[in-house]
Amino acid sequence: MNTSSHAPLSKAPSPLVHGIFDPHTGTVTYVVYEKPGSACAIIDSVLDYDPKSGRTRRDSADQVIAFVQSQQLQVAWILETHAHADHLSAAPYLQAQLGGQTAIGEHITQVQSVFKGIFNLGADFAVDGSQFDRLLKQGEHIQVGALQARVLFVPGHTPACVAYQFGDAVFVGDTLFMPDVGTARCDFPGGDARALYASVQGILSLPGETRLFMCHDYPPHNARPIAFETTVAAQRAHNVHVHDGIDEAAFVAMRTQRDATLDMPVLILPAIQVNICAGALPPPEANGLSYLKIPVNAL
């Protein structure tokens, strides 16, 4: 990502942010809004899924609904930062309950193309992103009531990752974690450590007081409480992977070595299969049940 493509902080109202942490996946879902009674956006929702039984629940999504209703908010957007590999999206359920448009970065088509082959999804599976209501371009602005969000292309973890900048707040997806955790892995299909380094540098070129909101938190050794908000200045000073002074070569070497030791996420196969379809489960078969494919020896 070209760091010059990032605009200075908007003079639009600084958003209110409510984060809902899902302890089963370490995921944070955000509700972003101007004030009670205003429009809002939901970012990176979670549909609870038990890999042992194949059962889904809506506990996490119902917390989002309860908050939206308690603040009398109107949902304008249900946004994804990328096709997550660690949780299923609850976008269809939230949209049915609350309305709003679903959206993701336009490069989701690359991810769909790769995983169409891995899951052998067949000729009728569209790889044009049409499963989402809207595909978003780098630098595009979307309106959330009086708030305006700018779309930032931040590839590396996946080739389709985006972040969302609302005034002084940036929702970074999986580009960055809290400073004591570091950065996201780059060994999924289409991942690229050099691209991630450039994306992170773009985010860290924003003013130091910029608020950064993480998609996940995994406290090292459970040594601190869950946290998912930090600042550009804190990341530049303390991020264990990309603090000031770490160059691209050192980052790529670290990231490559570290990724080689990591297991695949527990939910990667059901999650990506569902999330490239904007959170929609496969159509029910003749017996009324949906089935997910588990490719053997594919990853």
Protein backbone atom coordinates (compact mmCIF):
# COMPACT_ATOMS: atom_id res chain seq x y z
CA MET A 1 0.00 0.00 0.00
CA ASN A 2 1.27 3.42 -0.90
CA THR A 3 1.39 5.36 2.36
CA SER A 4 0.70 8.62 0.54
CA SER A 5 -2.80 7.35 -0.22
CA HIS A 6 -3.84 7.84 3.40
CA ALA A 7 -5.66 11.08 4.06
CA PRO A 8 -5.15 13.17 7.21
CA LEU A 9 -7.66 12.72 9.99
CA SER A 10 -11.12 13.80 8.95
CA LYS A 11 -12.74 16.84 10.56
CA ALA A 12 -15.97 14.85 10.70
CA PRO A 13 -17.31 13.96 14.17
CA SER A 14 -15.14 11.56 16.13
CA PRO A 15 -17.14 8.33 16.31
CA LEU A 16 -18.40 6.52 19.35
CA VAL A 17 -17.17 2.93 19.35
CA HIS A 18 -18.65 -0.04 21.18
CA GLY A 19 -16.64 -3.27 21.07
CA ILE A 20 -18.11 -6.70 21.82
CA PHE A 21 -15.48 -9.36 22.52
CA ASP A 22 -16.16 -12.99 21.60
CA PRO A 23 -14.06 -15.14 23.95
CA HIS A 24 -14.36 -18.30 21.84
CA THR A 25 -12.61 -16.79 18.80
CA GLY A 26 -10.84 -13.78 20.31
CA THR A 27 -12.77 -11.57 17.88
CA VAL A 28 -14.04 -8.06 18.51
CA THR A 29 -17.20 -6.88 16.74
CA TYR A 30 -17.59 -3.11 16.61
CA VAL A 31 -20.61 -0.86 16.46
CA VAL A 32 -19.54 2.59 15.20
CA TYR A 33 -21.92 5.52 15.50
CA GLU A 34 -22.19 9.27 16.06
CA LYS A 35 -24.64 9.35 18.97
CA PRO A 36 -27.67 7.45 20.31
CA GLY A 37 -30.43 7.44 17.70
CA SER A 38 -28.01 7.87 14.79
CA ALA A 39 -26.96 5.62 11.93
CA CYS A 40 -24.29 3.02 12.66
CA ALA A 41 -21.95 0.50 11.06
CA ILE A 42 -21.23 -3.00 12.35
CA ILE A 43 -17.72 -4.28 11.67
CA ASP A 44 -16.60 -7.96 11.75
CA SER A 45 -19.56 -9.79 13.27
CA VAL A 46 -19.41 -13.34 14.66
CA LEU A 47 -21.73 -16.33 14.22
CA ASP A 48 -20.89 -18.82 16.96
CA TYR A 49 -19.92 -22.22 15.53
CA ASP A 50 -18.99 -25.42 17.35
CA PRO A 51 -16.59 -27.43 15.16
CA LYS A 52 -17.24 -30.60 17.13
CA SER A 53 -20.99 -30.69 16.63
CA GLY A 54 -21.39 -28.42 13.59
CA ARG A 55 -23.97 -26.40 15.53
CA THR A 56 -24.31 -22.63 15.21
CA ARG A 57 -25.53 -20.17 17.82
CA ARG A 58 -26.24 -16.45 17.73
CA ASP A 59 -25.05 -15.40 21.19
CA SER A 60 -22.42 -12.95 19.95
CA ALA A 61 -24.66 -11.50 17.24
CA ASP A 62 -27.54 -11.14 19.68
CA GLN A 63 -25.30 -8.97 21.88
CA VAL A 64 -24.77 -6.71 18.87
CA ILE A 65 -28.51 -6.54 18.24
CA ALA A 66 -29.21 -5.75 21.89
CA PHE A 67 -26.72 -2.88 21.87
CA VAL A 68 -27.99 -1.44 18.58
CA GLN A 69 -31.54 -1.53 19.87
CA SER A 70 -30.62 -0.10 23.28
CA GLN A 71 -29.06 2.93 21.56
CA GLN A 72 -31.89 3.19 19.01
CA LEU A 73 -29.39 2.98 16.15
CA GLN A 74 -30.18 2.43 12.48
CA VAL A 75 -27.76 0.06 10.76
CA ALA A 76 -26.41 1.51 7.52
CA TRP A 77 -23.56 -0.95 6.89
CA ILE A 78 -22.43 -4.41 7.94
CA LEU A 79 -18.74 -4.33 7.07
CA GLU A 80 -16.07 -7.02 6.83
CA THR A 81 -12.36 -6.24 6.93
CA HIS A 82 -11.61 -9.52 5.10
CA ALA A 83 -12.78 -13.12 4.71
CA HIS A 84 -11.93 -14.29 8.19
CA ALA A 85 -10.31 -17.67 8.82
CA ASP A 86 -11.07 -17.86 12.54
CA HIS A 87 -14.79 -17.19 12.79
CA LEU A 88 -17.95 -17.26 10.71
CA SER A 89 -19.63 -13.97 9.88
CA ALA A 90 -23.11 -13.28 11.25
CA ALA A 91 -23.84 -10.72 8.52
CA PRO A 92 -26.94 -12.45 7.05
CA TYR A 93 -28.56 -12.82 10.48
CA LEU A 94 -27.78 -9.23 11.46
CA GLN A 95 -29.03 -7.91 8.13
CA ALA A 96 -32.30 -9.83 8.51
CA GLN A 97 -32.81 -8.42 12.00
CA LEU A 98 -31.45 -4.89 11.58
CA GLY A 99 -31.16 -4.05 7.87
CA GLY A 100 -28.13 -2.35 6.33
CA GLN A 101 -25.89 -3.21 3.37
CA THR A 102 -23.12 -5.81 3.51
CA ALA A 103 -19.74 -4.76 2.14
CA ILE A 104 -16.12 -5.89 1.83
CA GLY A 105 -13.05 -4.83 -0.15
CA GLU A 106 -13.24 -5.37 -3.89
CA HIS A 107 -10.28 -7.78 -3.91
CA ILE A 108 -12.43 -10.43 -2.24
CA THR A 109 -12.79 -11.74 -5.79
CA GLN A 110 -9.17 -12.96 -5.64
CA VAL A 111 -9.89 -14.89 -2.45
CA GLN A 112 -13.06 -16.34 -3.95
CA SER A 113 -11.16 -17.50 -7.02
CA VAL A 114 -8.53 -19.31 -4.93
CA PHE A 115 -10.97 -20.99 -2.57
CA LYS A 116 -13.44 -21.90 -5.28
CA GLY A 117 -10.78 -24.32 -6.43
CA ILE A 118 -9.86 -25.53 -2.95
CA PHE A 119 -13.50 -26.26 -2.08
CA ASN A 120 -14.40 -27.39 -5.63
CA LEU A 121 -17.45 -25.15 -5.50
CA GLY A 122 -18.52 -25.70 -9.09
CA ALA A 123 -19.24 -23.54 -12.11
CA ASP A 124 -22.27 -21.87 -10.54
CA PHE A 125 -20.24 -20.29 -7.73
CA ALA A 126 -19.68 -16.64 -8.71
CA VAL A 127 -16.24 -15.14 -8.10
CA ASP A 128 -17.33 -11.56 -8.75
CA GLY A 129 -18.18 -10.61 -5.17
CA SER A 130 -21.90 -10.50 -5.94
CA GLN A 131 -22.67 -12.32 -2.68
CA PHE A 132 -22.08 -8.93 -0.98
CA ASP A 133 -24.27 -5.88 -1.50
CA ARG A 134 -21.26 -3.68 -2.18
CA LEU A 135 -17.57 -4.08 -3.04
CA LEU A 136 -15.43 -1.21 -1.79
CA LYS A 137 -12.45 0.38 -3.52
CA GLN A 138 -9.27 1.87 -2.07
CA GLY A 139 -9.95 5.44 -0.97
CA GLU A 140 -13.71 5.15 -1.38
CA HIS A 141 -15.90 6.93 1.17
CA ILE A 142 -19.11 5.54 2.62
CA GLN A 143 -21.61 7.50 4.69
CA VAL A 144 -22.86 6.45 8.12
CA GLY A 145 -25.23 9.25 9.05
CA ALA A 146 -23.06 12.27 9.86
CA LEU A 147 -19.96 10.05 9.94
CA GLN A 148 -17.91 9.21 6.88
CA ALA A 149 -15.68 6.17 6.56
CA ARG A 150 -12.69 5.93 4.22
CA VAL A 151 -11.68 2.54 2.87
CA LEU A 152 -7.98 1.70 3.18
CA PHE A 153 -6.54 -1.24 1.22
CA VAL A 154 -4.20 -3.14 3.59
CA PRO A 155 -3.20 -6.46 1.94
CA GLY A 156 -0.74 -8.94 3.43
CA HIS A 157 -2.66 -11.16 5.82
CA THR A 158 -4.91 -11.82 2.81
CA PRO A 159 -4.83 -10.13 -0.61
CA ALA A 160 -8.23 -8.55 0.08
CA CYS A 161 -7.87 -6.97 3.53
CA VAL A 162 -9.21 -3.46 4.11
CA ALA A 163 -9.32 -1.11 7.10
CA TYR A 164 -11.97 1.51 7.78
CA GLN A 165 -11.08 5.05 8.90
CA PHE A 166 -13.83 7.00 10.68
CA GLY A 167 -12.31 10.36 11.60
CA ASP A 168 -9.69 9.66 14.29
CA ALA A 169 -10.56 5.95 14.53
CA VAL A 170 -9.21 3.19 12.27
CA PHE A 171 -10.50 -0.39 12.35
CA VAL A 172 -7.42 -2.28 11.21
CA GLY A 173 -8.73 -5.82 10.79
CA ASP A 174 -5.85 -8.29 11.07
CA THR A 175 -3.01 -6.02 9.95
CA LEU A 176 -2.07 -5.29 13.57
CA PHE A 177 -2.76 -6.71 17.01
CA MET A 178 -2.11 -5.01 20.35
CA PRO A 179 1.54 -3.93 20.69
CA ASP A 180 2.49 -6.91 22.89
CA VAL A 181 1.01 -9.37 20.35
CA GLY A 182 2.34 -7.96 17.07
CA THR A 183 0.96 -8.64 13.60
CA ALA A 184 -1.10 -11.18 11.67
CA ARG A 185 0.23 -14.25 9.91
CA CYS A 186 0.86 -14.16 6.17
CA ASP A 187 0.94 -17.84 5.21
CA PHE A 188 -2.65 -18.27 4.05
CA PRO A 189 -3.19 -18.55 0.26
CA GLY A 190 -2.41 -15.14 -1.22
CA GLY A 191 -0.73 -13.84 1.96
CA ASP A 192 2.43 -11.74 1.59
CA ALA A 193 4.68 -10.54 4.41
CA ARG A 194 6.16 -7.73 2.32
CA ALA A 195 2.69 -6.47 1.49
CA LEU A 196 1.72 -6.61 5.16
CA TYR A 197 4.79 -4.58 6.13
CA ALA A 198 3.84 -1.89 3.61
CA SER A 199 0.24 -1.91 4.82
CA VAL A 200 1.30 -1.51 8.44
CA GLN A 201 3.64 1.35 7.53
CA GLY A 202 0.71 3.07 5.84
CA ILE A 203 -1.39 2.84 8.98
CA LEU A 204 1.50 3.96 11.17
CA SER A 205 2.04 7.03 8.99
CA LEU A 206 -1.19 8.46 10.40
CA PRO A 207 -0.96 10.97 13.27
CA GLY A 208 0.20 9.49 16.57
CA GLU A 209 -3.09 10.16 18.35
CA THR A 210 -5.08 8.12 15.82
CA ARG A 211 -7.10 5.48 17.64
CA LEU A 212 -6.56 1.95 16.32
CA PHE A 213 -9.11 -0.80 16.94
CA MET A 214 -8.02 -4.43 16.64
CA CYS A 215 -10.10 -7.25 15.19
CA HIS A 216 -8.69 -9.70 17.75
CA ASP A 217 -6.87 -9.89 21.03
CA TYR A 218 -4.80 -12.78 22.34
CA PRO A 219 -3.12 -11.62 25.59
CA PRO A 220 0.34 -13.20 25.85
CA HIS A 221 0.24 -15.92 28.53
CA ASN A 222 -3.04 -14.36 29.76
CA ALA A 223 -0.84 -11.79 31.49
CA ARG A 224 -3.27 -8.88 31.08
CA PRO A 225 -6.97 -8.20 30.58
CA ILE A 226 -8.48 -8.23 27.08
CA ALA A 227 -7.70 -4.99 25.23
CA PHE A 228 -8.45 -3.93 21.68
CA GLU A 229 -7.86 -0.17 21.44
CA THR A 230 -4.46 1.47 21.10
CA THR A 231 -2.88 4.34 19.13
CA VAL A 232 -0.50 4.84 16.26
CA ALA A 233 2.06 6.27 18.69
CA ALA A 234 1.84 3.22 20.96
CA GLN A 235 2.22 0.83 18.03
CA ARG A 236 5.23 2.71 16.67
CA ALA A 237 6.91 2.68 20.07
CA HIS A 238 6.04 -0.78 21.36
CA ASN A 239 4.72 -3.22 18.72
CA VAL A 240 6.87 -6.32 19.15
CA HIS A 241 6.97 -6.98 15.39
CA VAL A 242 6.95 -3.57 13.70
CA HIS A 243 8.03 -0.84 16.11
CA ASP A 244 10.08 2.03 14.71
CA GLY A 245 13.46 0.78 13.51
CA ILE A 246 12.25 -2.59 12.18
CA ASP A 247 12.90 -2.64 8.43
CA GLU A 248 11.12 -4.72 5.79
CA ALA A 249 13.82 -7.40 5.58
CA ALA A 250 13.81 -8.00 9.33
CA PHE A 251 10.02 -8.10 9.45
CA VAL A 252 9.72 -10.52 6.52
CA ALA A 253 12.36 -12.84 8.04
CA MET A 254 10.59 -12.81 11.42
CA ARG A 255 7.12 -13.26 9.93
CA THR A 256 8.21 -16.12 7.62
CA GLN A 257 9.98 -17.98 10.43
CA ARG A 258 7.12 -17.49 12.85
CA ASP A 259 4.39 -18.48 10.38
CA ALA A 260 6.15 -21.78 9.71
CA THR A 261 5.51 -22.78 13.34
CA LEU A 262 1.79 -21.94 13.47
CA ASP A 263 -1.06 -24.42 13.25
CA MET A 264 -3.98 -23.65 10.98
CA PRO A 265 -6.88 -21.94 12.80
CA VAL A 266 -9.47 -24.38 14.13
CA LEU A 267 -12.26 -22.88 12.03
CA ILE A 268 -10.40 -22.01 8.81
CA LEU A 269 -12.23 -24.51 6.58
CA PRO A 270 -15.81 -23.75 7.67
CA ALA A 271 -15.07 -20.04 8.17
CA ILE A 272 -13.60 -19.22 4.77
CA GLN A 273 -16.14 -21.40 2.99
CA VAL A 274 -18.94 -19.38 4.57
CA ASN A 275 -17.27 -15.96 4.60
CA ILE A 276 -16.50 -15.83 0.88
CA CYS A 277 -20.28 -16.12 0.54
CA ALA A 278 -20.86 -13.04 2.75
CA GLY A 279 -21.67 -15.28 5.71
CA ALA A 280 -24.32 -17.37 3.95
CA LEU A 281 -24.39 -21.06 4.81
CA PRO A 282 -24.59 -23.51 1.88
CA PRO A 283 -28.14 -24.03 0.60
CA PRO A 284 -30.01 -26.80 2.44
CA GLU A 285 -30.05 -30.16 0.69
CA ALA A 286 -33.09 -32.40 0.22
CA ASN A 287 -33.18 -33.33 3.91
CA GLY A 288 -33.24 -29.67 4.96
CA LEU A 289 -29.67 -29.60 6.28
CA SER A 290 -26.72 -27.50 5.10
CA TYR A 291 -23.36 -29.22 4.60
CA LEU A 292 -19.84 -27.79 4.68
CA LYS A 293 -17.01 -29.35 2.69
CA ILE A 294 -13.77 -30.36 4.38
CA PRO A 295 -11.07 -30.78 1.72
CA VAL A 296 -8.45 -33.34 2.72
CA ASN A 297 -4.75 -32.44 2.41
CA ALA A 298 -5.55 -29.18 0.62
CA LEU A 299 -3.95 -26.65 2.99
